[in-house]
Amino acid sequence: MKVSQLQPTEYATYYGTYISQVFDEYSLIEELEISLHRFIKFVQDIPMDKFDYRYAESKWTIKDIIQHIIDAERVFAYRALRFARNDATVLPGFEENGYVDAANGNNRSIMELLTELSAVRHANLYLFKSFKEEQLLRIGIASNNPMSVRALGFVIIGHQNHHQRIFEERYL
């Protein structure tokens, strides 16, 4: 399945920003893998002195943002797991600023962050590969909005792509 197959009823309008940043040439599983490698290569080419840079006071560093990508991917995958398993519990949102403040990503090495991102993504690749078509189409409620399992997979990819574009536009 490709991102173009998603229906607007499968995600909140807010997530359209991320979904629109997913390439349509690959399937969900292919893009989960390809986008990880693309992102790691991109980050490895960033000059070392930029990882702790803030383009404005109170803005996150590149390290903070990579930690944020890791945390957000875990949250999105957890939602996907719950919905795929027919868990009808309404799930709350998460306060990304609070997560970044508590995570202390800026004090970690870039290699440690990229290794963790890779581990999380590989675990999520196996998770999404395990879902049958009917599970990918299941919809649950998170942050007071409907969201399908497959939309969550594409949000993981698009969220990462969104932040890569932020790096290019504001940090490099």
C-alpha atoms as a PDB file:
ATOM      1  CA  MET A   1       0.000   0.000   0.000  1.00  0.00           C
ATOM      2  CA  LYS A   2       1.168   3.517  -0.868  1.00  0.00           C
ATOM      3  CA  VAL A   3       0.468   6.839   0.785  1.00  0.00           C
ATOM      4  CA  SER A   4      -1.822   7.881  -2.081  1.00  0.00           C
ATOM      5  CA  GLN A   5      -4.242   5.131  -1.012  1.00  0.00           C
ATOM      6  CA  LEU A   6      -4.954   6.789   2.333  1.00  0.00           C
ATOM      7  CA  GLN A   7      -8.380   8.361   2.727  1.00  0.00           C
ATOM      8  CA  PRO A   8      -8.731  11.760   4.457  1.00  0.00           C
ATOM      9  CA  THR A   9     -10.982  10.090   7.047  1.00  0.00           C
ATOM     10  CA  GLU A  10      -8.041   7.990   8.268  1.00  0.00           C
ATOM     11  CA  TYR A  11      -6.216  10.838  10.004  1.00  0.00           C
ATOM     12  CA  ALA A  12      -6.707  14.295  11.481  1.00  0.00           C
ATOM     13  CA  THR A  13      -6.095  17.258   9.196  1.00  0.00           C
ATOM     14  CA  TYR A  14      -3.097  18.184  11.338  1.00  0.00           C
ATOM     15  CA  TYR A  15      -1.267  15.037  10.210  1.00  0.00           C
ATOM     16  CA  GLY A  16      -1.753  15.947   6.552  1.00  0.00           C
ATOM     17  CA  THR A  17       1.405  18.059   6.865  1.00  0.00           C
ATOM     18  CA  TYR A  18       3.415  14.914   7.557  1.00  0.00           C
ATOM     19  CA  ILE A  19       1.564  12.591   5.197  1.00  0.00           C
ATOM     20  CA  SER A  20       2.111  15.030   2.315  1.00  0.00           C
ATOM     21  CA  GLN A  21       5.867  14.653   2.823  1.00  0.00           C
ATOM     22  CA  VAL A  22       5.913  10.909   2.107  1.00  0.00           C
ATOM     23  CA  PHE A  23       7.088   9.787  -1.329  1.00  0.00           C
ATOM     24  CA  ASP A  24       4.421   7.845  -3.212  1.00  0.00           C
ATOM     25  CA  GLU A  25       6.785   5.668  -5.225  1.00  0.00           C
ATOM     26  CA  TYR A  26       7.258   3.094  -2.453  1.00  0.00           C
ATOM     27  CA  SER A  27       4.990   1.011  -0.246  1.00  0.00           C
ATOM     28  CA  LEU A  28       4.669   1.707   3.469  1.00  0.00           C
ATOM     29  CA  ILE A  29       7.125  -1.052   4.386  1.00  0.00           C
ATOM     30  CA  GLU A  30       9.627  -0.054   1.698  1.00  0.00           C
ATOM     31  CA  GLU A  31       9.526   3.598   2.707  1.00  0.00           C
ATOM     32  CA  LEU A  32       9.867   2.805   6.422  1.00  0.00           C
ATOM     33  CA  GLU A  33      13.181   1.170   5.563  1.00  0.00           C
ATOM     34  CA  ILE A  34      14.391   3.498   2.811  1.00  0.00           C
ATOM     35  CA  SER A  35      13.590   6.680   4.737  1.00  0.00           C
ATOM     36  CA  LEU A  36      15.625   5.472   7.723  1.00  0.00           C
ATOM     37  CA  HIS A  37      18.727   4.968   5.579  1.00  0.00           C
ATOM     38  CA  ARG A  38      18.152   8.261   3.760  1.00  0.00           C
ATOM     39  CA  PHE A  39      17.869  10.119   7.077  1.00  0.00           C
ATOM     40  CA  ILE A  40      20.925   8.516   8.689  1.00  0.00           C
ATOM     41  CA  LYS A  41      23.036   9.318   5.618  1.00  0.00           C
ATOM     42  CA  PHE A  42      21.754  12.894   5.684  1.00  0.00           C
ATOM     43  CA  VAL A  43      22.571  13.337   9.386  1.00  0.00           C
ATOM     44  CA  GLN A  44      26.024  11.788   9.014  1.00  0.00           C
ATOM     45  CA  ASP A  45      26.841  14.477   6.434  1.00  0.00           C
ATOM     46  CA  ILE A  46      25.981  17.330   8.816  1.00  0.00           C
ATOM     47  CA  PRO A  47      29.074  19.141  10.135  1.00  0.00           C
ATOM     48  CA  MET A  48      29.794  18.218  13.759  1.00  0.00           C
ATOM     49  CA  ASP A  49      29.540  21.821  14.968  1.00  0.00           C
ATOM     50  CA  LYS A  50      25.888  21.981  13.869  1.00  0.00           C
ATOM     51  CA  PHE A  51      24.521  19.252  16.157  1.00  0.00           C
ATOM     52  CA  ASP A  52      24.351  21.591  19.174  1.00  0.00           C
ATOM     53  CA  TYR A  53      23.306  24.666  17.159  1.00  0.00           C
ATOM     54  CA  ARG A  54      20.011  26.483  17.827  1.00  0.00           C
ATOM     55  CA  TYR A  55      18.805  28.851  15.116  1.00  0.00           C
ATOM     56  CA  ALA A  56      16.992  30.907  17.779  1.00  0.00           C
ATOM     57  CA  GLU A  57      16.830  31.006  21.558  1.00  0.00           C
ATOM     58  CA  SER A  58      14.618  28.267  23.038  1.00  0.00           C
ATOM     59  CA  LYS A  59      14.621  26.293  19.762  1.00  0.00           C
ATOM     60  CA  TRP A  60      15.686  22.672  19.805  1.00  0.00           C
ATOM     61  CA  THR A  61      19.102  21.504  18.633  1.00  0.00           C
ATOM     62  CA  ILE A  62      19.510  18.883  15.921  1.00  0.00           C
ATOM     63  CA  LYS A  63      20.215  16.332  18.664  1.00  0.00           C
ATOM     64  CA  ASP A  64      17.028  17.366  20.479  1.00  0.00           C
ATOM     65  CA  ILE A  65      15.055  16.933  17.273  1.00  0.00           C
ATOM     66  CA  ILE A  66      16.476  13.483  16.583  1.00  0.00           C
ATOM     67  CA  GLN A  67      15.497  12.477  20.133  1.00  0.00           C
ATOM     68  CA  HIS A  68      12.045  13.939  19.429  1.00  0.00           C
ATOM     69  CA  ILE A  69      11.779  11.855  16.229  1.00  0.00           C
ATOM     70  CA  ILE A  70      12.637   8.727  18.230  1.00  0.00           C
ATOM     71  CA  ASP A  71      10.092   9.498  20.951  1.00  0.00           C
ATOM     72  CA  ALA A  72       7.349  10.409  18.476  1.00  0.00           C
ATOM     73  CA  GLU A  73       7.957   7.226  16.481  1.00  0.00           C
ATOM     74  CA  ARG A  74       7.573   5.179  19.652  1.00  0.00           C
ATOM     75  CA  VAL A  75       4.295   6.935  20.464  1.00  0.00           C
ATOM     76  CA  PHE A  76       2.934   6.490  16.929  1.00  0.00           C
ATOM     77  CA  ALA A  77       3.946   2.812  16.834  1.00  0.00           C
ATOM     78  CA  TYR A  78       2.342   2.196  20.226  1.00  0.00           C
ATOM     79  CA  ARG A  79      -0.880   3.693  18.910  1.00  0.00           C
ATOM     80  CA  ALA A  80      -0.643   1.506  15.793  1.00  0.00           C
ATOM     81  CA  LEU A  81      -0.174  -1.604  17.933  1.00  0.00           C
ATOM     82  CA  ARG A  82      -3.152  -0.768  20.141  1.00  0.00           C
ATOM     83  CA  PHE A  83      -5.435  -0.055  17.181  1.00  0.00           C
ATOM     84  CA  ALA A  84      -4.264  -3.096  15.187  1.00  0.00           C
ATOM     85  CA  ARG A  85      -5.061  -5.315  18.162  1.00  0.00           C
ATOM     86  CA  ASN A  86      -8.628  -3.957  18.345  1.00  0.00           C
ATOM     87  CA  ASP A  87      -8.028  -1.987  21.509  1.00  0.00           C
ATOM     88  CA  ALA A  88     -10.848   0.576  21.576  1.00  0.00           C
ATOM     89  CA  THR A  89      -9.305   2.658  24.364  1.00  0.00           C
ATOM     90  CA  VAL A  90      -9.187   6.344  23.454  1.00  0.00           C
ATOM     91  CA  LEU A  91      -5.527   7.350  23.638  1.00  0.00           C
ATOM     92  CA  PRO A  92      -4.309  10.741  24.849  1.00  0.00           C
ATOM     93  CA  GLY A  93      -1.980  13.061  22.991  1.00  0.00           C
ATOM     94  CA  PHE A  94       1.561  13.684  24.115  1.00  0.00           C
ATOM     95  CA  GLU A  95       3.255  16.956  24.961  1.00  0.00           C
ATOM     96  CA  GLU A  96       6.281  17.010  22.706  1.00  0.00           C
ATOM     97  CA  ASN A  97       7.972  19.929  24.467  1.00  0.00           C
ATOM     98  CA  GLY A  98       7.784  18.146  27.796  1.00  0.00           C
ATOM     99  CA  TYR A  99       9.248  15.019  26.232  1.00  0.00           C
ATOM    100  CA  VAL A 100      12.172  16.947  24.733  1.00  0.00           C
ATOM    101  CA  ASP A 101      12.874  18.704  28.028  1.00  0.00           C
ATOM    102  CA  ALA A 102      12.872  15.399  29.939  1.00  0.00           C
ATOM    103  CA  ALA A 103      14.768  13.359  27.320  1.00  0.00           C
ATOM    104  CA  ASN A 104      18.024  15.320  27.496  1.00  0.00           C
ATOM    105  CA  GLY A 105      18.838  14.400  23.893  1.00  0.00           C
ATOM    106  CA  ASN A 106      21.225  17.307  23.504  1.00  0.00           C
ATOM    107  CA  ASN A 107      23.604  15.632  25.976  1.00  0.00           C
ATOM    108  CA  ARG A 108      23.819  12.393  23.969  1.00  0.00           C
ATOM    109  CA  SER A 109      26.221  11.580  21.154  1.00  0.00           C
ATOM    110  CA  ILE A 110      24.956  11.711  17.604  1.00  0.00           C
ATOM    111  CA  MET A 111      25.975   8.072  17.081  1.00  0.00           C
ATOM    112  CA  GLU A 112      24.002   6.978  20.126  1.00  0.00           C
ATOM    113  CA  LEU A 113      20.931   8.824  18.841  1.00  0.00           C
ATOM    114  CA  LEU A 114      21.226   7.370  15.327  1.00  0.00           C
ATOM    115  CA  THR A 115      21.759   3.876  16.716  1.00  0.00           C
ATOM    116  CA  GLU A 116      18.644   4.200  18.853  1.00  0.00           C
ATOM    117  CA  LEU A 117      16.633   5.568  15.921  1.00  0.00           C
ATOM    118  CA  SER A 118      17.747   2.602  13.826  1.00  0.00           C
ATOM    119  CA  ALA A 119      16.795   0.115  16.561  1.00  0.00           C
ATOM    120  CA  VAL A 120      13.372   1.691  17.012  1.00  0.00           C
ATOM    121  CA  ARG A 121      12.728   1.734  13.267  1.00  0.00           C
ATOM    122  CA  HIS A 122      13.792  -1.868  12.800  1.00  0.00           C
ATOM    123  CA  ALA A 123      11.459  -2.952  15.593  1.00  0.00           C
ATOM    124  CA  ASN A 124       8.664  -0.969  13.947  1.00  0.00           C
ATOM    125  CA  LEU A 125       9.419  -2.498  10.564  1.00  0.00           C
ATOM    126  CA  TYR A 126       8.756  -5.912  12.062  1.00  0.00           C
ATOM    127  CA  LEU A 127       5.641  -4.569  13.763  1.00  0.00           C
ATOM    128  CA  PHE A 128       4.159  -3.152  10.556  1.00  0.00           C
ATOM    129  CA  LYS A 129       5.183  -6.245   8.561  1.00  0.00           C
ATOM    130  CA  SER A 130       3.192  -8.336  11.037  1.00  0.00           C
ATOM    131  CA  PHE A 131      -0.049  -6.484  10.387  1.00  0.00           C
ATOM    132  CA  LYS A 132      -2.556  -8.043   8.012  1.00  0.00           C
ATOM    133  CA  GLU A 133      -4.411  -5.792   5.569  1.00  0.00           C
ATOM    134  CA  GLU A 134      -7.502  -5.667   7.790  1.00  0.00           C
ATOM    135  CA  GLN A 135      -5.368  -4.580  10.747  1.00  0.00           C
ATOM    136  CA  LEU A 136      -3.756  -1.775   8.735  1.00  0.00           C
ATOM    137  CA  LEU A 137      -7.239  -0.434   7.999  1.00  0.00           C
ATOM    138  CA  ARG A 138      -8.384  -0.405  11.635  1.00  0.00           C
ATOM    139  CA  ILE A 139      -9.071   2.987  13.128  1.00  0.00           C
ATOM    140  CA  GLY A 140      -8.719   4.122  16.708  1.00  0.00           C
ATOM    141  CA  ILE A 141      -8.901   7.444  18.504  1.00  0.00           C
ATOM    142  CA  ALA A 142      -5.783   9.306  19.630  1.00  0.00           C
ATOM    143  CA  SER A 143      -5.581  12.964  20.599  1.00  0.00           C
ATOM    144  CA  ASN A 144      -9.364  13.139  20.089  1.00  0.00           C
ATOM    145  CA  ASN A 145      -9.038  12.234  16.394  1.00  0.00           C
ATOM    146  CA  PRO A 146      -9.538   9.074  14.323  1.00  0.00           C
ATOM    147  CA  MET A 147      -6.369   7.471  12.990  1.00  0.00           C
ATOM    148  CA  SER A 148      -5.831   4.297  10.995  1.00  0.00           C
ATOM    149  CA  VAL A 149      -2.949   1.953  11.619  1.00  0.00           C
ATOM    150  CA  ARG A 150      -1.566   2.509   8.129  1.00  0.00           C
ATOM    151  CA  ALA A 151      -1.857   6.288   8.486  1.00  0.00           C
ATOM    152  CA  LEU A 152       0.271   6.049  11.623  1.00  0.00           C
ATOM    153  CA  GLY A 153       2.952   4.259   9.608  1.00  0.00           C
ATOM    154  CA  PHE A 154       2.983   7.029   7.045  1.00  0.00           C
ATOM    155  CA  VAL A 155       3.004   9.675   9.791  1.00  0.00           C
ATOM    156  CA  ILE A 156       6.183   8.090  11.199  1.00  0.00           C
ATOM    157  CA  ILE A 157       7.853   8.550   7.814  1.00  0.00           C
ATOM    158  CA  GLY A 158       6.431  12.003   7.093  1.00  0.00           C
ATOM    159  CA  HIS A 159       7.299  13.321  10.555  1.00  0.00           C
ATOM    160  CA  GLN A 160      10.921  12.315  10.021  1.00  0.00           C
ATOM    161  CA  ASN A 161      10.933  13.872   6.513  1.00  0.00           C
ATOM    162  CA  HIS A 162       9.396  17.058   7.917  1.00  0.00           C
ATOM    163  CA  HIS A 163      12.214  17.458  10.416  1.00  0.00           C
ATOM    164  CA  GLN A 164      14.855  16.703   7.806  1.00  0.00           C
ATOM    165  CA  ARG A 165      13.464  19.614   5.789  1.00  0.00           C
ATOM    166  CA  ILE A 166      13.592  21.803   8.906  1.00  0.00           C
ATOM    167  CA  PHE A 167      17.270  20.889   9.286  1.00  0.00           C
ATOM    168  CA  GLU A 168      17.934  21.892   5.668  1.00  0.00           C
ATOM    169  CA  GLU A 169      16.021  25.161   5.904  1.00  0.00           C
ATOM    170  CA  ARG A 170      16.977  26.426   9.369  1.00  0.00           C
ATOM    171  CA  TYR A 171      20.054  24.633  10.609  1.00  0.00           C
ATOM    172  CA  LEU A 172      22.390  24.174   7.652  1.00  0.00           C
END
